[in-house]
N, C-alpha and C. Protein backbone atom coordinates (compact mmCIF):
# COMPACT_ATOMS: atom_id res chain seq x y z
N UNK A 1 2.42 -2.16 -31.34
CA UNK A 1 1.19 -2.21 -30.53
C UNK A 1 1.79 -2.78 -29.01
N UNK A 2 1.13 -2.31 -27.98
CA UNK A 2 1.40 -2.52 -26.79
C UNK A 2 0.37 -3.83 -26.53
N UNK A 3 1.10 -4.79 -25.64
CA UNK A 3 0.60 -6.01 -25.35
C UNK A 3 -0.56 -6.07 -24.45
N UNK A 4 -0.58 -5.25 -23.51
CA UNK A 4 -1.68 -4.95 -22.64
C UNK A 4 -2.25 -6.49 -21.92
N UNK A 5 -1.04 -7.50 -21.34
CA UNK A 5 -1.24 -8.53 -21.08
C UNK A 5 -1.48 -8.61 -19.65
N UNK A 6 -2.76 -9.57 -19.30
CA UNK A 6 -3.10 -9.77 -18.03
C UNK A 6 -3.34 -11.26 -17.75
N UNK A 7 -2.64 -12.06 -16.80
CA UNK A 7 -2.77 -13.18 -16.47
C UNK A 7 -3.07 -13.47 -15.19
N UNK A 8 -4.34 -14.18 -15.34
CA UNK A 8 -4.92 -14.73 -13.89
C UNK A 8 -4.57 -16.15 -13.51
N UNK A 9 -3.95 -16.44 -12.41
CA UNK A 9 -3.63 -17.84 -11.88
C UNK A 9 -4.37 -18.01 -10.36
N UNK A 10 -5.18 -19.09 -10.30
CA UNK A 10 -5.48 -19.31 -8.89
C UNK A 10 -4.23 -20.29 -8.27
N UNK A 11 -4.03 -20.05 -7.10
CA UNK A 11 -2.84 -20.80 -6.36
C UNK A 11 -3.06 -22.40 -6.39
N UNK A 12 -2.09 -23.12 -6.60
CA UNK A 12 -2.17 -24.38 -6.76
C UNK A 12 -2.83 -25.14 -5.53
N UNK A 13 -2.98 -26.34 -5.47
CA UNK A 13 -4.04 -26.99 -4.55
C UNK A 13 -3.32 -26.80 -3.25
N UNK A 14 -3.95 -26.47 -2.28
CA UNK A 14 -3.55 -26.17 -0.86
C UNK A 14 -3.95 -27.47 0.14
N UNK A 15 -3.19 -27.30 1.20
CA UNK A 15 -3.19 -28.61 2.31
C UNK A 15 -4.93 -28.67 2.65
N UNK A 16 -5.52 -27.55 2.69
CA UNK A 16 -6.90 -27.72 3.22
C UNK A 16 -7.86 -27.89 1.87
N UNK A 17 -7.45 -27.51 0.62
CA UNK A 17 -8.25 -28.26 -0.44
C UNK A 17 -8.11 -29.68 -0.45
N UNK A 18 -7.22 -30.30 -0.24
CA UNK A 18 -6.98 -31.64 -0.03
C UNK A 18 -7.96 -32.29 0.96
N UNK A 19 -8.00 -31.61 2.34
CA UNK A 19 -8.84 -32.09 3.10
C UNK A 19 -10.11 -31.71 3.22
N UNK A 20 -10.62 -31.03 2.10
CA UNK A 20 -12.12 -30.60 1.76
C UNK A 20 -12.42 -29.61 2.98
N UNK A 21 -11.61 -28.82 3.39
CA UNK A 21 -11.83 -27.89 4.52
C UNK A 21 -12.15 -26.52 3.85
N UNK A 22 -13.26 -25.68 4.52
CA UNK A 22 -13.25 -24.31 4.02
C UNK A 22 -12.07 -23.48 4.72
N UNK A 23 -11.36 -22.75 3.77
CA UNK A 23 -9.97 -22.34 3.90
C UNK A 23 -10.19 -20.73 4.31
N UNK A 24 -10.74 -20.00 3.43
CA UNK A 24 -11.00 -18.48 3.32
C UNK A 24 -9.66 -17.85 4.07
N UNK A 25 -9.55 -16.99 4.74
CA UNK A 25 -8.20 -16.27 5.22
C UNK A 25 -7.39 -17.18 6.22
N UNK A 26 -7.71 -18.34 6.47
CA UNK A 26 -6.61 -18.99 6.91
C UNK A 26 -5.49 -19.38 6.21
N UNK A 27 -4.35 -19.03 6.85
CA UNK A 27 -2.97 -18.99 6.30
C UNK A 27 -2.18 -20.60 5.78
N UNK A 28 -2.72 -21.28 5.02
CA UNK A 28 -2.13 -22.88 4.76
C UNK A 28 -1.44 -22.73 3.64
N UNK A 29 -0.40 -23.63 3.57
CA UNK A 29 0.47 -23.88 2.65
C UNK A 29 -0.15 -24.64 1.46
N UNK A 30 0.91 -25.05 0.15
CA UNK A 30 0.49 -25.84 -0.68
C UNK A 30 0.77 -27.23 -0.33
N UNK A 31 0.16 -28.20 -1.11
CA UNK A 31 0.42 -29.48 -0.96
C UNK A 31 1.73 -30.00 -2.24
N UNK A 32 2.08 -30.79 -2.19
CA UNK A 32 3.06 -31.23 -3.00
C UNK A 32 2.37 -31.17 -4.47
N UNK A 33 1.16 -31.59 -4.70
CA UNK A 33 0.54 -31.40 -6.00
C UNK A 33 0.31 -30.07 -6.28
N UNK A 34 -0.08 -29.14 -5.08
CA UNK A 34 0.02 -27.71 -5.56
C UNK A 34 1.45 -26.97 -5.98
N UNK A 35 2.15 -27.63 -5.44
CA UNK A 35 3.68 -27.08 -5.99
C UNK A 35 3.93 -27.29 -7.40
N UNK A 36 3.60 -28.86 -7.64
CA UNK A 36 3.70 -29.13 -9.11
C UNK A 36 2.84 -28.33 -9.99
N UNK A 37 1.42 -28.20 -9.48
CA UNK A 37 0.53 -27.19 -10.20
C UNK A 37 1.26 -25.87 -10.59
N UNK A 38 2.00 -25.30 -9.70
CA UNK A 38 2.46 -24.05 -9.67
C UNK A 38 3.65 -23.98 -10.72
N UNK A 39 4.47 -25.02 -10.69
CA UNK A 39 5.53 -25.02 -11.53
C UNK A 39 5.04 -25.38 -13.06
N UNK A 40 4.08 -26.34 -13.15
CA UNK A 40 3.56 -26.38 -14.42
C UNK A 40 3.00 -25.08 -15.12
N UNK A 41 2.35 -24.54 -14.29
CA UNK A 41 1.51 -23.08 -14.82
C UNK A 41 2.63 -22.23 -15.16
N UNK A 42 3.96 -22.12 -14.51
CA UNK A 42 5.12 -21.37 -15.15
C UNK A 42 5.57 -21.82 -16.23
N UNK A 43 5.78 -23.14 -16.55
CA UNK A 43 6.35 -23.84 -17.72
C UNK A 43 5.51 -23.50 -19.05
N UNK A 44 4.20 -23.62 -18.81
CA UNK A 44 3.05 -23.44 -19.79
C UNK A 44 3.18 -21.96 -20.21
N UNK A 45 3.23 -21.02 -19.30
CA UNK A 45 3.38 -19.45 -19.70
C UNK A 45 4.81 -19.17 -20.28
N UNK A 46 5.90 -19.90 -19.98
CA UNK A 46 6.96 -19.66 -20.56
C UNK A 46 6.75 -20.28 -22.02
N UNK A 47 6.34 -21.30 -22.06
CA UNK A 47 6.22 -22.09 -23.28
C UNK A 47 5.43 -21.16 -24.34
N UNK A 48 4.60 -20.23 -23.94
CA UNK A 48 3.78 -19.53 -24.64
C UNK A 48 4.58 -18.08 -25.10
N UNK A 49 5.75 -18.11 -24.75
CA UNK A 49 6.76 -16.87 -25.05
C UNK A 49 6.26 -15.65 -24.22
N UNK A 50 5.50 -15.94 -23.09
CA UNK A 50 5.21 -14.91 -22.37
C UNK A 50 6.14 -14.55 -21.37
N UNK A 51 6.08 -13.12 -20.88
CA UNK A 51 6.96 -12.79 -19.72
C UNK A 51 5.96 -11.62 -18.93
N UNK A 52 6.59 -11.29 -17.82
CA UNK A 52 5.80 -10.09 -16.90
C UNK A 52 6.85 -9.13 -16.47
N UNK A 53 6.08 -7.75 -16.21
CA UNK A 53 7.09 -6.88 -15.66
C UNK A 53 6.72 -6.59 -14.00
N UNK A 54 5.44 -7.18 -13.76
CA UNK A 54 5.04 -6.92 -12.38
C UNK A 54 4.22 -8.11 -11.94
N UNK A 55 4.16 -8.45 -10.79
CA UNK A 55 3.12 -9.48 -10.36
C UNK A 55 2.33 -9.05 -9.21
N UNK A 56 1.28 -9.28 -9.06
CA UNK A 56 0.20 -9.22 -7.55
C UNK A 56 -0.12 -10.46 -7.35
N UNK A 57 -0.32 -10.52 -5.85
CA UNK A 57 -0.64 -11.65 -5.25
C UNK A 57 -1.38 -11.12 -3.94
N UNK A 58 -1.97 -12.04 -3.21
CA UNK A 58 -2.82 -11.86 -1.96
C UNK A 58 -1.70 -11.68 -0.90
N UNK A 59 -2.26 -11.64 0.49
CA UNK A 59 -1.52 -11.71 1.66
C UNK A 59 -1.31 -12.99 2.12
N UNK A 60 -1.97 -14.22 1.39
CA UNK A 60 -1.79 -15.39 1.87
C UNK A 60 -0.77 -16.40 1.22
N UNK A 61 -0.19 -17.20 2.01
CA UNK A 61 1.11 -17.69 1.58
C UNK A 61 0.93 -18.67 0.39
N UNK A 62 -0.26 -19.40 0.25
CA UNK A 62 -0.58 -20.21 -0.61
C UNK A 62 -0.71 -19.76 -2.13
N UNK A 63 -1.01 -18.56 -2.18
CA UNK A 63 -0.99 -17.61 -3.37
C UNK A 63 0.44 -17.13 -3.57
N UNK A 64 0.97 -16.50 -2.57
CA UNK A 64 2.41 -15.96 -2.55
C UNK A 64 3.54 -17.12 -3.11
N UNK A 65 3.23 -18.27 -2.74
CA UNK A 65 4.12 -19.47 -3.00
C UNK A 65 3.90 -19.78 -4.28
N UNK A 66 2.64 -19.87 -4.60
CA UNK A 66 2.60 -20.26 -6.26
C UNK A 66 3.02 -19.31 -7.21
N UNK A 67 3.00 -17.84 -6.75
CA UNK A 67 3.45 -16.77 -7.60
C UNK A 67 4.92 -16.90 -7.63
N UNK A 68 5.58 -17.33 -6.61
CA UNK A 68 7.02 -17.45 -6.56
C UNK A 68 7.66 -18.43 -7.51
N UNK A 69 6.76 -19.68 -7.38
CA UNK A 69 7.11 -20.96 -8.16
C UNK A 69 7.11 -20.50 -9.61
N UNK A 70 5.90 -20.01 -9.91
CA UNK A 70 5.66 -19.72 -11.39
C UNK A 70 6.68 -18.77 -12.01
N UNK A 71 7.09 -17.63 -11.20
CA UNK A 71 8.07 -16.86 -11.63
C UNK A 71 9.59 -17.51 -11.75
N UNK A 72 9.85 -18.34 -10.83
CA UNK A 72 10.96 -19.07 -10.80
C UNK A 72 11.02 -19.95 -12.00
N UNK A 73 10.09 -20.75 -12.50
CA UNK A 73 9.97 -21.43 -13.63
C UNK A 73 10.12 -20.57 -14.91
N UNK A 74 9.70 -19.34 -15.06
CA UNK A 74 9.91 -18.46 -16.03
C UNK A 74 11.19 -17.77 -16.20
N UNK A 75 12.03 -17.77 -15.03
CA UNK A 75 13.28 -17.13 -14.99
C UNK A 75 12.99 -15.68 -14.65
N UNK A 76 11.95 -15.31 -14.02
CA UNK A 76 11.76 -13.79 -13.63
C UNK A 76 11.58 -13.66 -12.22
N UNK A 77 12.51 -14.16 -11.49
CA UNK A 77 12.30 -13.96 -9.96
C UNK A 77 12.76 -12.77 -9.55
N UNK A 78 13.11 -11.59 -10.39
CA UNK A 78 13.54 -10.47 -9.92
C UNK A 78 12.50 -9.15 -10.07
N UNK A 79 11.47 -9.84 -10.73
CA UNK A 79 10.40 -8.58 -11.12
C UNK A 79 9.65 -8.28 -9.88
N UNK A 80 9.18 -6.92 -9.64
CA UNK A 80 8.41 -6.58 -8.46
C UNK A 80 7.30 -7.56 -8.31
N UNK A 81 6.78 -7.79 -7.19
CA UNK A 81 6.01 -8.47 -6.56
C UNK A 81 5.14 -7.70 -5.49
N UNK A 82 3.91 -7.46 -5.61
CA UNK A 82 3.06 -6.55 -4.89
C UNK A 82 1.78 -7.45 -4.11
N UNK A 83 2.04 -7.56 -2.87
CA UNK A 83 1.06 -8.54 -2.18
C UNK A 83 0.04 -7.60 -1.30
N UNK A 84 -1.40 -7.79 -1.48
CA UNK A 84 -2.21 -6.96 -0.68
C UNK A 84 -3.58 -7.88 -0.56
N UNK A 85 -4.10 -7.57 0.72
CA UNK A 85 -5.16 -8.49 1.27
C UNK A 85 -6.64 -8.16 0.51
N UNK A 86 -6.51 -7.32 -0.47
CA UNK A 86 -7.48 -7.00 -1.31
C UNK A 86 -7.79 -8.05 -2.12
N UNK A 87 -6.82 -8.97 -2.40
CA UNK A 87 -6.61 -10.17 -3.29
C UNK A 87 -6.92 -11.37 -2.79
N UNK A 88 -7.22 -11.08 -1.17
CA UNK A 88 -7.41 -12.56 -0.52
C UNK A 88 -8.62 -13.39 -0.83
N UNK A 89 -8.53 -14.62 -0.57
CA UNK A 89 -9.98 -15.36 -0.78
C UNK A 89 -10.99 -14.75 0.00
N UNK A 90 -12.04 -15.12 -0.40
CA UNK A 90 -13.39 -14.86 0.46
C UNK A 90 -13.10 -15.25 1.91
N UNK A 91 -13.61 -14.55 2.77
CA UNK A 91 -13.71 -14.80 4.17
C UNK A 91 -14.98 -15.80 4.54
N UNK A 92 -14.52 -17.07 5.05
CA UNK A 92 -15.63 -17.88 5.15
C UNK A 92 -16.15 -17.93 6.66
N UNK A 93 -15.61 -16.95 7.42
CA UNK A 93 -16.09 -16.71 8.69
C UNK A 93 -16.12 -18.00 9.59
N UNK A 94 -17.20 -18.31 10.21
CA UNK A 94 -17.37 -19.53 11.05
C UNK A 94 -17.47 -20.75 10.21
N UNK A 95 -17.14 -20.76 9.00
CA UNK A 95 -17.29 -21.93 8.29
C UNK A 95 -15.60 -22.40 8.17
N UNK A 96 -14.85 -21.35 8.49
CA UNK A 96 -13.41 -21.62 8.12
C UNK A 96 -12.73 -22.65 9.05
N UNK A 97 -11.95 -23.58 8.56
CA UNK A 97 -11.51 -24.80 9.17
C UNK A 97 -12.30 -25.92 9.24
N UNK A 98 -13.74 -25.70 8.88
CA UNK A 98 -14.62 -26.79 8.96
C UNK A 98 -14.31 -27.83 7.83
N UNK A 99 -14.85 -29.25 7.98
CA UNK A 99 -14.87 -29.77 6.76
C UNK A 99 -16.42 -29.59 6.18
N UNK A 100 -16.39 -29.66 5.01
CA UNK A 100 -17.43 -29.28 4.15
C UNK A 100 -18.52 -30.19 4.52
N UNK A 101 -18.33 -31.51 4.73
CA UNK A 101 -19.60 -32.40 5.10
C UNK A 101 -19.81 -32.30 6.47
N UNK A 102 -18.94 -31.91 7.36
CA UNK A 102 -19.30 -31.62 8.76
C UNK A 102 -20.10 -30.29 8.65
N UNK A 103 -19.91 -29.47 8.02
CA UNK A 103 -20.50 -27.94 7.98
C UNK A 103 -22.18 -28.30 7.27
N UNK A 104 -22.15 -29.38 6.47
CA UNK A 104 -23.63 -29.80 5.98
C UNK A 104 -24.47 -30.33 7.22
N UNK A 105 -23.70 -31.30 7.83
CA UNK A 105 -24.20 -31.91 9.02
C UNK A 105 -24.79 -30.94 10.07
N UNK A 106 -24.04 -29.89 10.22
CA UNK A 106 -24.36 -29.01 11.46
C UNK A 106 -25.54 -28.01 10.96
N UNK A 107 -25.22 -27.51 9.58
CA UNK A 107 -26.32 -26.35 9.20
C UNK A 107 -27.47 -26.92 8.07
N UNK A 108 -27.20 -27.97 7.65
CA UNK A 108 -27.90 -28.67 6.41
C UNK A 108 -27.36 -28.36 5.18
N UNK A 109 -27.52 -29.27 4.39
CA UNK A 109 -27.17 -29.36 2.91
C UNK A 109 -27.76 -27.83 2.28
N UNK A 110 -28.87 -27.66 2.42
CA UNK A 110 -29.35 -26.55 1.70
C UNK A 110 -28.67 -25.44 2.20
N UNK A 111 -28.45 -25.03 3.38
CA UNK A 111 -28.10 -23.80 3.93
C UNK A 111 -26.63 -23.64 3.45
N UNK A 112 -25.78 -24.85 3.50
CA UNK A 112 -24.51 -24.47 3.14
C UNK A 112 -24.56 -24.36 1.72
N UNK A 113 -25.04 -24.95 0.92
CA UNK A 113 -25.20 -24.45 -0.40
C UNK A 113 -25.31 -23.17 -0.92
N UNK A 114 -26.37 -22.57 -0.14
CA UNK A 114 -26.67 -21.23 -0.23
C UNK A 114 -25.56 -20.32 -0.17
N UNK A 115 -24.89 -20.52 1.11
CA UNK A 115 -23.65 -19.87 1.44
C UNK A 115 -22.52 -19.83 0.54
N UNK A 116 -22.47 -21.07 -0.17
CA UNK A 116 -21.41 -21.40 -1.03
C UNK A 116 -21.69 -20.89 -2.40
N UNK A 117 -22.89 -21.00 -2.89
CA UNK A 117 -23.42 -20.78 -4.29
C UNK A 117 -24.21 -19.56 -4.49
N UNK A 118 -24.61 -18.70 -3.43
CA UNK A 118 -25.14 -17.60 -3.64
C UNK A 118 -24.50 -16.47 -3.82
N UNK A 119 -25.11 -15.47 -4.41
CA UNK A 119 -24.21 -14.13 -4.57
C UNK A 119 -24.02 -13.24 -3.51
N UNK A 120 -25.08 -13.02 -2.86
CA UNK A 120 -25.24 -12.24 -1.81
C UNK A 120 -25.62 -12.56 -0.49
N UNK A 121 -25.35 -14.09 0.09
CA UNK A 121 -25.71 -14.38 1.30
C UNK A 121 -24.40 -14.83 1.93
N UNK A 122 -23.95 -14.18 3.02
CA UNK A 122 -22.69 -14.56 3.56
C UNK A 122 -22.82 -15.56 4.75
N UNK A 123 -21.88 -16.27 4.78
CA UNK A 123 -21.87 -17.52 6.11
C UNK A 123 -21.73 -16.50 7.40
N UNK A 124 -21.98 -17.23 8.48
CA UNK A 124 -21.93 -16.33 9.65
C UNK A 124 -20.39 -15.78 9.77
N UNK A 125 -20.28 -14.55 10.16
CA UNK A 125 -19.08 -13.92 10.30
C UNK A 125 -18.04 -13.80 9.11
N UNK A 126 -18.71 -14.04 8.03
CA UNK A 126 -17.91 -14.07 6.64
C UNK A 126 -18.55 -13.26 5.75
N UNK A 127 -17.84 -13.35 4.55
CA UNK A 127 -18.34 -12.47 3.35
C UNK A 127 -19.02 -13.18 2.11
N UNK A 128 -19.91 -12.81 1.54
CA UNK A 128 -20.63 -13.20 0.41
C UNK A 128 -19.47 -13.15 -0.73
N UNK A 129 -19.81 -13.64 -1.91
CA UNK A 129 -19.06 -13.29 -3.07
C UNK A 129 -19.18 -11.67 -3.36
N UNK A 130 -20.47 -11.28 -3.25
CA UNK A 130 -20.75 -9.75 -3.50
C UNK A 130 -19.79 -9.06 -2.63
N UNK A 131 -19.48 -9.36 -1.35
CA UNK A 131 -18.61 -8.61 -0.37
C UNK A 131 -17.17 -8.64 -1.00
N UNK A 132 -16.65 -9.83 -1.50
CA UNK A 132 -15.45 -10.08 -1.94
C UNK A 132 -15.22 -9.33 -3.05
N UNK A 133 -16.20 -9.01 -3.96
CA UNK A 133 -16.12 -8.30 -5.15
C UNK A 133 -15.81 -6.94 -4.81
N UNK A 134 -16.66 -6.47 -3.67
CA UNK A 134 -16.73 -5.21 -3.40
C UNK A 134 -15.22 -4.70 -2.77
N UNK A 135 -14.35 -5.54 -2.41
CA UNK A 135 -13.10 -5.17 -1.98
C UNK A 135 -11.97 -5.66 -3.08
N UNK A 136 -12.32 -6.46 -3.90
CA UNK A 136 -11.29 -6.63 -5.00
C UNK A 136 -11.63 -5.83 -6.07
N UNK A 137 -12.55 -5.55 -6.67
CA UNK A 137 -12.76 -4.91 -7.69
C UNK A 137 -12.34 -3.27 -7.62
N UNK A 138 -12.36 -2.54 -6.74
CA UNK A 138 -11.65 -1.29 -6.60
C UNK A 138 -10.08 -1.41 -6.74
N UNK A 139 -9.50 -2.45 -6.09
CA UNK A 139 -8.04 -2.69 -6.05
C UNK A 139 -7.47 -2.90 -7.69
N UNK A 140 -8.45 -3.81 -8.30
CA UNK A 140 -8.11 -4.00 -9.71
C UNK A 140 -8.28 -2.72 -10.29
N UNK A 141 -9.06 -2.04 -10.26
CA UNK A 141 -9.30 -0.67 -11.04
C UNK A 141 -8.47 0.39 -10.86
N UNK A 142 -8.01 0.29 -9.54
CA UNK A 142 -6.85 1.57 -9.27
C UNK A 142 -5.49 1.07 -9.32
N UNK A 143 -5.06 -0.09 -9.10
CA UNK A 143 -3.75 -0.66 -8.90
C UNK A 143 -3.13 -1.44 -10.06
N UNK A 144 -4.27 -2.36 -10.53
CA UNK A 144 -3.96 -3.35 -11.59
C UNK A 144 -4.16 -2.95 -13.33
N UNK A 145 -5.19 -2.64 -13.25
CA UNK A 145 -5.69 -2.16 -14.65
C UNK A 145 -4.86 -0.88 -15.25
N UNK A 146 -4.50 0.12 -14.37
CA UNK A 146 -3.82 1.03 -15.26
C UNK A 146 -2.56 0.75 -15.55
N UNK A 147 -1.82 -0.46 -14.93
CA UNK A 147 -0.53 -0.96 -15.28
C UNK A 147 -0.65 -1.44 -16.63
N UNK A 148 -1.77 -2.36 -16.62
CA UNK A 148 -2.01 -3.09 -18.07
C UNK A 148 -2.19 -2.35 -19.16
N UNK A 149 -2.97 -1.20 -18.97
CA UNK A 149 -3.21 -0.31 -20.07
C UNK A 149 -2.15 0.66 -20.47
N UNK A 150 -1.23 0.62 -19.49
CA UNK A 150 0.10 1.39 -19.73
C UNK A 150 1.01 0.45 -20.61
N UNK A 151 0.70 -0.83 -20.83
CA UNK A 151 1.42 -1.89 -21.56
C UNK A 151 2.31 -2.75 -20.84
N UNK A 152 2.23 -2.53 -19.31
CA UNK A 152 3.04 -3.38 -18.60
C UNK A 152 2.24 -4.79 -18.71
N UNK A 153 3.29 -5.65 -18.44
CA UNK A 153 2.66 -7.16 -18.61
C UNK A 153 2.43 -7.65 -17.01
N UNK A 154 1.12 -8.06 -16.86
CA UNK A 154 0.82 -8.20 -15.41
C UNK A 154 0.37 -9.66 -14.97
N UNK A 155 1.06 -10.29 -14.05
CA UNK A 155 0.32 -11.36 -13.49
C UNK A 155 -0.39 -11.11 -12.19
N UNK A 156 -1.36 -11.93 -11.80
CA UNK A 156 -1.97 -11.73 -10.81
C UNK A 156 -2.42 -13.28 -10.39
N UNK A 157 -1.69 -13.59 -9.08
CA UNK A 157 -1.87 -15.02 -8.49
C UNK A 157 -2.70 -14.59 -7.31
N UNK A 158 -3.88 -15.50 -7.28
CA UNK A 158 -4.74 -15.17 -6.24
C UNK A 158 -5.54 -16.53 -5.79
N UNK A 159 -6.84 -16.41 -5.63
CA UNK A 159 -7.87 -17.21 -5.08
C UNK A 159 -9.05 -17.39 -6.07
N UNK A 160 -9.80 -18.37 -5.79
CA UNK A 160 -10.99 -18.84 -6.83
C UNK A 160 -12.14 -17.63 -6.54
N UNK A 161 -12.16 -17.31 -5.34
CA UNK A 161 -13.30 -16.14 -5.30
C UNK A 161 -12.76 -14.64 -5.60
N UNK A 162 -11.58 -14.36 -5.48
CA UNK A 162 -11.23 -13.05 -5.63
C UNK A 162 -10.88 -13.00 -7.03
N UNK A 163 -10.42 -13.96 -7.69
CA UNK A 163 -10.45 -14.11 -9.31
C UNK A 163 -11.71 -13.97 -9.78
N UNK A 164 -12.73 -14.72 -9.18
CA UNK A 164 -14.03 -14.35 -9.84
C UNK A 164 -14.33 -12.90 -10.17
N UNK A 165 -13.95 -12.13 -9.06
CA UNK A 165 -14.28 -10.62 -9.19
C UNK A 165 -13.64 -10.10 -10.52
N UNK A 166 -12.37 -10.37 -10.79
CA UNK A 166 -11.85 -9.79 -11.97
C UNK A 166 -12.59 -10.52 -13.17
N UNK A 167 -12.60 -11.72 -13.36
CA UNK A 167 -13.29 -12.43 -14.38
C UNK A 167 -14.65 -12.07 -14.53
N UNK A 168 -15.46 -11.61 -13.63
CA UNK A 168 -16.66 -11.05 -13.77
C UNK A 168 -16.73 -9.72 -14.54
N UNK A 169 -15.83 -8.93 -14.04
CA UNK A 169 -15.68 -7.66 -14.88
C UNK A 169 -14.97 -7.86 -16.28
N UNK A 170 -13.85 -8.79 -16.40
CA UNK A 170 -13.49 -8.94 -17.71
C UNK A 170 -14.28 -9.55 -18.76
N UNK A 171 -15.07 -10.38 -18.23
CA UNK A 171 -15.94 -11.28 -19.36
C UNK A 171 -17.42 -10.83 -19.22
N UNK A 172 -17.49 -9.83 -18.44
CA UNK A 172 -18.84 -9.25 -18.31
C UNK A 172 -19.96 -10.31 -18.02
N UNK A 173 -19.69 -10.95 -16.79
CA UNK A 173 -20.68 -11.85 -16.38
C UNK A 173 -21.62 -11.12 -15.48
N UNK A 174 -22.65 -11.92 -15.40
CA UNK A 174 -23.77 -11.49 -14.40
C UNK A 174 -23.63 -12.04 -12.64
N UNK A 175 -24.21 -11.63 -11.87
CA UNK A 175 -24.15 -12.25 -10.74
C UNK A 175 -24.56 -13.68 -10.74
N UNK A 176 -25.32 -14.23 -11.79
CA UNK A 176 -25.91 -15.51 -11.91
C UNK A 176 -24.69 -16.26 -12.58
N UNK A 177 -24.37 -15.82 -13.67
CA UNK A 177 -23.27 -16.65 -14.62
C UNK A 177 -21.90 -16.73 -13.70
N UNK A 178 -21.66 -15.80 -12.95
CA UNK A 178 -20.42 -15.79 -12.44
C UNK A 178 -20.21 -17.08 -11.28
N UNK A 179 -21.49 -17.31 -10.80
CA UNK A 179 -21.52 -18.40 -9.63
C UNK A 179 -21.41 -19.67 -10.46
N UNK A 180 -21.50 -19.79 -11.49
CA UNK A 180 -21.32 -21.21 -12.38
C UNK A 180 -20.00 -21.37 -13.01
N UNK A 181 -18.99 -20.14 -12.90
CA UNK A 181 -17.69 -20.26 -13.32
C UNK A 181 -16.81 -20.79 -12.47
N UNK A 182 -16.16 -21.93 -12.54
CA UNK A 182 -15.25 -22.67 -11.82
C UNK A 182 -13.75 -21.99 -12.38
N UNK A 183 -12.71 -21.73 -11.52
CA UNK A 183 -11.35 -21.39 -11.75
C UNK A 183 -10.49 -22.53 -11.11
N UNK A 184 -9.81 -23.21 -11.98
CA UNK A 184 -9.07 -24.46 -11.43
C UNK A 184 -7.91 -24.14 -10.86
N UNK A 185 -7.23 -24.88 -10.05
CA UNK A 185 -5.97 -24.54 -9.47
C UNK A 185 -4.78 -24.67 -10.39
N UNK A 186 -4.25 -23.78 -10.35
CA UNK A 186 -2.77 -23.56 -11.10
C UNK A 186 -3.07 -23.50 -12.78
N UNK A 187 -4.10 -23.16 -12.96
CA UNK A 187 -4.70 -22.93 -14.53
C UNK A 187 -4.60 -21.54 -14.88
N UNK A 188 -3.57 -21.07 -15.63
CA UNK A 188 -3.64 -19.65 -16.11
C UNK A 188 -4.56 -19.44 -16.97
N UNK A 189 -4.99 -18.18 -17.06
CA UNK A 189 -6.14 -17.65 -17.76
C UNK A 189 -5.31 -16.31 -18.26
N UNK A 190 -5.19 -16.46 -19.76
CA UNK A 190 -4.42 -15.22 -20.45
C UNK A 190 -5.23 -14.45 -21.31
N UNK A 191 -5.34 -13.05 -20.79
CA UNK A 191 -6.09 -12.05 -21.28
C UNK A 191 -5.23 -11.06 -22.05
N UNK A 192 -5.62 -10.59 -23.19
CA UNK A 192 -5.27 -9.27 -23.69
C UNK A 192 -6.29 -8.28 -23.97
N UNK A 193 -5.85 -7.15 -23.38
CA UNK A 193 -7.07 -6.14 -23.33
C UNK A 193 -6.68 -5.06 -24.45
N UNK A 194 -7.92 -4.62 -24.80
CA UNK A 194 -7.86 -3.51 -25.74
C UNK A 194 -7.73 -2.26 -24.96
N UNK A 195 -7.60 -1.19 -25.79
CA UNK A 195 -7.39 0.22 -25.24
C UNK A 195 -8.49 0.71 -24.25
N UNK A 196 -9.59 0.08 -24.27
CA UNK A 196 -10.80 0.45 -23.58
C UNK A 196 -11.18 -0.57 -22.47
N UNK A 197 -10.11 -1.26 -22.17
CA UNK A 197 -10.06 -2.18 -20.88
C UNK A 197 -10.75 -3.23 -21.15
N UNK A 198 -11.40 -3.50 -22.28
CA UNK A 198 -12.38 -4.85 -22.72
C UNK A 198 -11.31 -6.02 -22.98
N UNK A 199 -11.81 -7.10 -23.05
CA UNK A 199 -10.84 -8.34 -23.46
C UNK A 199 -11.00 -8.44 -25.01
N UNK A 200 -9.62 -8.44 -25.58
CA UNK A 200 -9.65 -8.51 -27.00
C UNK A 200 -9.12 -9.96 -27.40
N UNK A 201 -8.61 -10.61 -26.34
CA UNK A 201 -8.18 -11.98 -26.84
C UNK A 201 -8.24 -12.79 -25.45
N UNK A 202 -8.62 -13.98 -25.19
CA UNK A 202 -8.49 -14.91 -23.88
C UNK A 202 -8.03 -16.18 -24.40
N UNK A 203 -7.03 -16.72 -23.57
CA UNK A 203 -6.56 -18.08 -24.05
C UNK A 203 -6.57 -18.79 -22.52
N UNK A 204 -7.13 -20.06 -22.09
CA UNK A 204 -7.29 -20.66 -21.07
C UNK A 204 -5.87 -21.64 -21.34
N UNK A 205 -5.06 -21.79 -20.38
CA UNK A 205 -4.03 -22.69 -20.35
C UNK A 205 -4.18 -23.60 -19.35
N UNK A 206 -5.45 -24.32 -19.00
CA UNK A 206 -5.42 -25.56 -18.39
C UNK A 206 -4.98 -26.79 -18.90
N UNK A 207 -4.88 -27.44 -17.82
CA UNK A 207 -4.32 -29.15 -18.27
C UNK A 207 -5.11 -29.73 -19.20
């Protein structure tokens, strides 16, 4: 029986996560804690007896570095790694680089909450979660899912909102329920898929 293994990991804590800034497509690195979270994720996956044939990541260094550290901990530094901006974080537009408290002071608590937590309302110059899904899901369907269904063991290291796109499909969530779903930094979600691409088994490897 083929494994049809798909593991999703959000990058470790970034410098701007720590500073409470909207990050989006800004290319910031991991903190020391983020590095530790990535290494811990790799050790947890290895302890489960898992291995990968290919890894996908975004075009942003915080996801790429997390991916590299996970694979190093697993002794899998030589597998193919495919980076694509389709897996990038949601683009926060004019909010990028702003402290979340400063944004609330400028636009108001309610407006910032709508931008952060609604499904289809985008911040100025940025993407809504719906927009993020529109670029991430086709990439999953055409590039990632076929490999999983062929029996390749696939790791995807990306971002909170781009991973929500995948979780929404895998767990058959609605636009309302996906908004309530939080994805922790450096916490692997292990899926095994059936031949019909639906989830046969799911394990959270959070701390």
